Amino acid sequence: MKFIEIKFVTDNKEEAVKIGNMLLDKKLVSCCQIYPIESHYVWKNERCLTQEFMAVLKTKKRLFKQIEKVIKENHSYEVAEIIANPIVKSSAEFLDWIKENTI
């Protein structure tokens, strides 16, 4: 079984919490951590600086498409940042915890 960490960013904490709770309720993720961040980027040919919130999710790789769908359906951005990275090393106990808390 393969495990991943997914990141998504919103412009307000409430949206990040709402989406994170939806994913937890559906047992698509075992954890949602939310951090305030400062984002520097280009959008529609304009330099931008925004205070945002990054949610970091722990889950199984096979659940990515379902998680992506929930995020996109509930996200306010025109283009939502949704990035998955493999968990290449972790304790067996932590991976067992992810298994036990996701479908």
N, C-alpha and C. Protein backbone atom coordinates (compact mmCIF):
# COMPACT_ATOMS: atom_id res chain seq x y z
N MET A 1 0.86 -1.18 0.00
CA MET A 1 0.00 0.00 0.00
C MET A 1 0.89 1.23 0.00
N LYS A 2 0.56 2.19 -0.84
CA LYS A 2 1.35 3.42 -0.93
C LYS A 2 0.61 4.56 -0.24
N PHE A 3 1.41 5.45 0.37
CA PHE A 3 0.87 6.56 1.13
C PHE A 3 1.38 7.87 0.55
N ILE A 4 0.56 8.93 0.67
CA ILE A 4 0.93 10.24 0.15
C ILE A 4 0.56 11.33 1.15
N GLU A 5 1.17 12.47 0.92
CA GLU A 5 0.83 13.70 1.62
C GLU A 5 0.33 14.66 0.54
N ILE A 6 -0.85 15.22 0.75
CA ILE A 6 -1.44 16.15 -0.22
C ILE A 6 -1.46 17.54 0.40
N LYS A 7 -1.12 18.56 -0.40
CA LYS A 7 -1.20 19.96 0.04
C LYS A 7 -2.23 20.68 -0.81
N PHE A 8 -3.01 21.54 -0.15
CA PHE A 8 -3.81 22.50 -0.89
C PHE A 8 -3.80 23.82 -0.12
N VAL A 9 -4.05 24.91 -0.86
CA VAL A 9 -3.95 26.25 -0.28
C VAL A 9 -5.27 26.99 -0.51
N THR A 10 -5.70 27.75 0.51
CA THR A 10 -6.88 28.60 0.40
C THR A 10 -6.54 29.99 0.91
N ASP A 11 -7.42 30.95 0.63
CA ASP A 11 -7.16 32.31 1.11
C ASP A 11 -7.79 32.59 2.47
N ASN A 12 -8.48 31.57 3.05
CA ASN A 12 -9.02 31.77 4.40
C ASN A 12 -9.04 30.46 5.17
N LYS A 13 -8.84 30.57 6.45
CA LYS A 13 -8.74 29.40 7.31
C LYS A 13 -10.04 28.61 7.35
N GLU A 14 -11.17 29.31 7.33
CA GLU A 14 -12.46 28.63 7.42
C GLU A 14 -12.66 27.64 6.28
N GLU A 15 -12.25 28.04 5.06
CA GLU A 15 -12.39 27.15 3.92
C GLU A 15 -11.48 25.93 4.07
N ALA A 16 -10.26 26.13 4.52
CA ALA A 16 -9.34 25.02 4.73
C ALA A 16 -9.89 24.05 5.78
N VAL A 17 -10.44 24.59 6.87
CA VAL A 17 -11.01 23.76 7.94
C VAL A 17 -12.22 23.00 7.41
N LYS A 18 -13.09 23.69 6.67
CA LYS A 18 -14.30 23.05 6.12
C LYS A 18 -13.93 21.87 5.22
N ILE A 19 -13.01 22.09 4.30
CA ILE A 19 -12.61 21.02 3.38
C ILE A 19 -11.92 19.90 4.16
N GLY A 20 -11.02 20.26 5.07
CA GLY A 20 -10.34 19.24 5.88
C GLY A 20 -11.31 18.39 6.66
N ASN A 21 -12.33 19.01 7.27
CA ASN A 21 -13.32 18.26 8.04
C ASN A 21 -14.17 17.36 7.15
N MET A 22 -14.49 17.83 5.94
CA MET A 22 -15.24 17.00 5.00
C MET A 22 -14.45 15.74 4.66
N LEU A 23 -13.16 15.92 4.41
CA LEU A 23 -12.31 14.78 4.06
C LEU A 23 -12.14 13.82 5.24
N LEU A 24 -12.03 14.37 6.44
CA LEU A 24 -11.95 13.52 7.65
C LEU A 24 -13.27 12.76 7.86
N ASP A 25 -14.40 13.45 7.70
CA ASP A 25 -15.70 12.81 7.89
C ASP A 25 -15.92 11.67 6.90
N LYS A 26 -15.42 11.82 5.68
CA LYS A 26 -15.56 10.79 4.65
C LYS A 26 -14.49 9.70 4.79
N LYS A 27 -13.60 9.87 5.77
CA LYS A 27 -12.48 8.95 6.02
C LYS A 27 -11.54 8.84 4.81
N LEU A 28 -11.43 9.93 4.06
CA LEU A 28 -10.51 9.97 2.92
C LEU A 28 -9.10 10.35 3.37
N VAL A 29 -8.98 11.00 4.51
CA VAL A 29 -7.68 11.35 5.08
C VAL A 29 -7.66 10.99 6.56
N SER A 30 -6.47 10.79 7.08
CA SER A 30 -6.34 10.49 8.51
C SER A 30 -6.02 11.74 9.31
N CYS A 31 -5.60 12.80 8.60
CA CYS A 31 -5.11 14.00 9.29
C CYS A 31 -5.18 15.19 8.35
N CYS A 32 -5.47 16.36 8.92
CA CYS A 32 -5.43 17.62 8.18
C CYS A 32 -4.75 18.65 9.07
N GLN A 33 -3.58 19.10 8.66
CA GLN A 33 -2.84 20.13 9.40
C GLN A 33 -2.94 21.43 8.61
N ILE A 34 -3.22 22.53 9.29
CA ILE A 34 -3.42 23.81 8.61
C ILE A 34 -2.41 24.83 9.14
N TYR A 35 -1.70 25.46 8.20
CA TYR A 35 -0.65 26.42 8.53
C TYR A 35 -0.89 27.75 7.82
N PRO A 36 -0.67 28.88 8.48
CA PRO A 36 -0.68 30.16 7.77
C PRO A 36 0.60 30.29 6.95
N ILE A 37 0.48 30.81 5.73
CA ILE A 37 1.65 30.98 4.87
C ILE A 37 1.56 32.32 4.15
N GLU A 38 2.67 32.77 3.62
CA GLU A 38 2.73 33.96 2.77
C GLU A 38 3.11 33.48 1.38
N SER A 39 2.25 33.73 0.40
CA SER A 39 2.48 33.26 -0.97
C SER A 39 2.85 34.41 -1.89
N HIS A 40 3.92 34.22 -2.64
CA HIS A 40 4.36 35.16 -3.68
C HIS A 40 4.20 34.41 -5.01
N TYR A 41 3.46 35.00 -5.95
CA TYR A 41 3.18 34.28 -7.20
C TYR A 41 2.75 35.25 -8.30
N VAL A 42 2.60 34.71 -9.49
CA VAL A 42 2.09 35.47 -10.62
C VAL A 42 0.72 34.90 -10.98
N TRP A 43 -0.27 35.78 -11.10
CA TRP A 43 -1.62 35.37 -11.51
C TRP A 43 -2.14 36.37 -12.53
N LYS A 44 -2.45 35.88 -13.72
CA LYS A 44 -2.94 36.71 -14.82
C LYS A 44 -2.00 37.89 -15.09
N ASN A 45 -0.71 37.55 -15.18
CA ASN A 45 0.36 38.50 -15.49
C ASN A 45 0.60 39.56 -14.42
N GLU A 46 0.12 39.36 -13.23
CA GLU A 46 0.32 40.28 -12.11
C GLU A 46 1.09 39.57 -11.00
N ARG A 47 2.08 40.27 -10.44
CA ARG A 47 2.76 39.77 -9.24
C ARG A 47 1.84 39.92 -8.06
N CYS A 48 1.72 38.87 -7.24
CA CYS A 48 0.81 38.89 -6.10
C CYS A 48 1.54 38.47 -4.83
N LEU A 49 1.06 38.99 -3.73
CA LEU A 49 1.50 38.61 -2.39
C LEU A 49 0.23 38.43 -1.58
N THR A 50 0.03 37.22 -1.07
CA THR A 50 -1.21 36.89 -0.38
C THR A 50 -0.93 36.12 0.89
N GLN A 51 -1.69 36.41 1.93
CA GLN A 51 -1.67 35.60 3.14
C GLN A 51 -2.67 34.47 2.90
N GLU A 52 -2.19 33.24 3.00
CA GLU A 52 -3.03 32.09 2.71
C GLU A 52 -2.89 31.05 3.82
N PHE A 53 -3.62 29.95 3.65
CA PHE A 53 -3.55 28.83 4.58
C PHE A 53 -3.30 27.56 3.79
N MET A 54 -2.29 26.81 4.21
CA MET A 54 -1.96 25.55 3.57
C MET A 54 -2.47 24.40 4.44
N ALA A 55 -3.21 23.50 3.81
CA ALA A 55 -3.65 22.28 4.48
C ALA A 55 -2.78 21.14 3.98
N VAL A 56 -2.30 20.33 4.91
CA VAL A 56 -1.48 19.16 4.58
C VAL A 56 -2.22 17.93 5.07
N LEU A 57 -2.46 17.00 4.15
CA LEU A 57 -3.27 15.82 4.41
C LEU A 57 -2.43 14.54 4.33
N LYS A 58 -2.72 13.58 5.19
CA LYS A 58 -2.06 12.27 5.12
C LYS A 58 -3.11 11.26 4.68
N THR A 59 -2.76 10.42 3.69
CA THR A 59 -3.74 9.49 3.15
C THR A 59 -3.08 8.37 2.35
N LYS A 60 -3.92 7.55 1.74
CA LYS A 60 -3.48 6.48 0.84
C LYS A 60 -3.48 7.03 -0.60
N LYS A 61 -2.51 6.59 -1.37
CA LYS A 61 -2.38 7.07 -2.75
C LYS A 61 -3.65 6.81 -3.57
N ARG A 62 -4.28 5.68 -3.36
CA ARG A 62 -5.45 5.31 -4.16
C ARG A 62 -6.65 6.22 -3.93
N LEU A 63 -6.61 7.06 -2.88
CA LEU A 63 -7.73 7.95 -2.57
C LEU A 63 -7.57 9.34 -3.20
N PHE A 64 -6.47 9.57 -3.92
CA PHE A 64 -6.18 10.92 -4.44
C PHE A 64 -7.33 11.50 -5.27
N LYS A 65 -7.85 10.75 -6.24
CA LYS A 65 -8.89 11.28 -7.13
C LYS A 65 -10.13 11.71 -6.35
N GLN A 66 -10.53 10.92 -5.35
CA GLN A 66 -11.70 11.28 -4.54
C GLN A 66 -11.44 12.55 -3.73
N ILE A 67 -10.23 12.66 -3.18
CA ILE A 67 -9.85 13.85 -2.40
C ILE A 67 -9.81 15.07 -3.30
N GLU A 68 -9.20 14.93 -4.48
CA GLU A 68 -9.13 16.03 -5.44
C GLU A 68 -10.53 16.53 -5.79
N LYS A 69 -11.47 15.62 -5.99
CA LYS A 69 -12.85 15.98 -6.34
C LYS A 69 -13.49 16.80 -5.21
N VAL A 70 -13.35 16.37 -3.97
CA VAL A 70 -13.92 17.09 -2.83
C VAL A 70 -13.31 18.49 -2.72
N ILE A 71 -12.00 18.57 -2.87
CA ILE A 71 -11.34 19.88 -2.78
C ILE A 71 -11.87 20.81 -3.88
N LYS A 72 -11.86 20.35 -5.12
CA LYS A 72 -12.30 21.20 -6.24
C LYS A 72 -13.76 21.63 -6.10
N GLU A 73 -14.62 20.75 -5.60
CA GLU A 73 -16.04 21.07 -5.46
C GLU A 73 -16.30 22.10 -4.36
N ASN A 74 -15.36 22.25 -3.43
CA ASN A 74 -15.58 23.10 -2.26
C ASN A 74 -14.59 24.25 -2.14
N HIS A 75 -13.76 24.44 -3.14
CA HIS A 75 -12.69 25.43 -3.13
C HIS A 75 -13.12 26.68 -3.87
N SER A 76 -12.75 27.84 -3.38
CA SER A 76 -13.17 29.10 -3.99
C SER A 76 -12.25 29.60 -5.10
N TYR A 77 -11.05 29.04 -5.22
CA TYR A 77 -10.12 29.51 -6.26
C TYR A 77 -10.52 28.98 -7.64
N GLU A 78 -10.24 29.77 -8.66
CA GLU A 78 -10.45 29.36 -10.03
C GLU A 78 -9.56 28.15 -10.37
N VAL A 79 -8.32 28.19 -9.89
CA VAL A 79 -7.38 27.09 -10.06
C VAL A 79 -6.84 26.73 -8.67
N ALA A 80 -7.29 25.61 -8.16
CA ALA A 80 -6.85 25.18 -6.83
C ALA A 80 -5.50 24.47 -6.91
N GLU A 81 -4.59 24.84 -6.02
CA GLU A 81 -3.31 24.13 -5.91
C GLU A 81 -3.57 22.85 -5.14
N ILE A 82 -3.38 21.72 -5.80
CA ILE A 82 -3.52 20.41 -5.15
C ILE A 82 -2.31 19.59 -5.57
N ILE A 83 -1.41 19.35 -4.62
CA ILE A 83 -0.15 18.68 -4.92
C ILE A 83 0.01 17.47 -4.01
N ALA A 84 0.36 16.34 -4.59
CA ALA A 84 0.59 15.13 -3.80
C ALA A 84 2.06 14.73 -3.90
N ASN A 85 2.61 14.33 -2.76
CA ASN A 85 3.97 13.81 -2.70
C ASN A 85 3.95 12.46 -2.00
N PRO A 86 4.77 11.53 -2.46
CA PRO A 86 4.80 10.22 -1.80
C PRO A 86 5.43 10.32 -0.41
N ILE A 87 4.94 9.51 0.48
CA ILE A 87 5.61 9.34 1.78
C ILE A 87 6.59 8.20 1.57
N VAL A 88 7.86 8.53 1.43
CA VAL A 88 8.85 7.52 1.08
C VAL A 88 9.42 6.80 2.30
N LYS A 89 9.41 7.45 3.42
CA LYS A 89 9.89 6.83 4.67
C LYS A 89 8.99 7.28 5.80
N SER A 90 8.65 6.35 6.67
CA SER A 90 7.85 6.67 7.86
C SER A 90 7.90 5.48 8.80
N SER A 91 7.51 5.71 10.03
CA SER A 91 7.44 4.59 10.96
C SER A 91 6.26 3.69 10.58
N ALA A 92 6.40 2.41 10.84
CA ALA A 92 5.32 1.46 10.56
C ALA A 92 4.07 1.82 11.35
N GLU A 93 4.26 2.31 12.56
CA GLU A 93 3.12 2.67 13.41
C GLU A 93 2.32 3.82 12.80
N PHE A 94 3.02 4.81 12.23
CA PHE A 94 2.34 5.94 11.62
C PHE A 94 1.56 5.50 10.39
N LEU A 95 2.16 4.66 9.56
CA LEU A 95 1.47 4.16 8.37
C LEU A 95 0.27 3.30 8.75
N ASP A 96 0.40 2.51 9.81
CA ASP A 96 -0.74 1.73 10.31
C ASP A 96 -1.87 2.66 10.74
N TRP A 97 -1.52 3.78 11.37
CA TRP A 97 -2.52 4.75 11.81
C TRP A 97 -3.27 5.34 10.62
N ILE A 98 -2.54 5.66 9.54
CA ILE A 98 -3.21 6.14 8.33
C ILE A 98 -4.17 5.07 7.80
N LYS A 99 -3.70 3.83 7.73
CA LYS A 99 -4.54 2.73 7.25
C LYS A 99 -5.83 2.59 8.07
N GLU A 100 -5.68 2.65 9.38
CA GLU A 100 -6.82 2.45 10.28
C GLU A 100 -7.83 3.59 10.23
N ASN A 101 -7.42 4.77 9.81
CA ASN A 101 -8.30 5.93 9.86
C ASN A 101 -8.77 6.44 8.50
N THR A 102 -8.54 5.62 7.47
CA THR A 102 -9.04 5.95 6.13
C THR A 102 -9.74 4.74 5.56
N ILE A 103 -10.60 4.98 4.56
CA ILE A 103 -11.34 3.86 3.95
C ILE A 103 -10.42 3.04 3.05
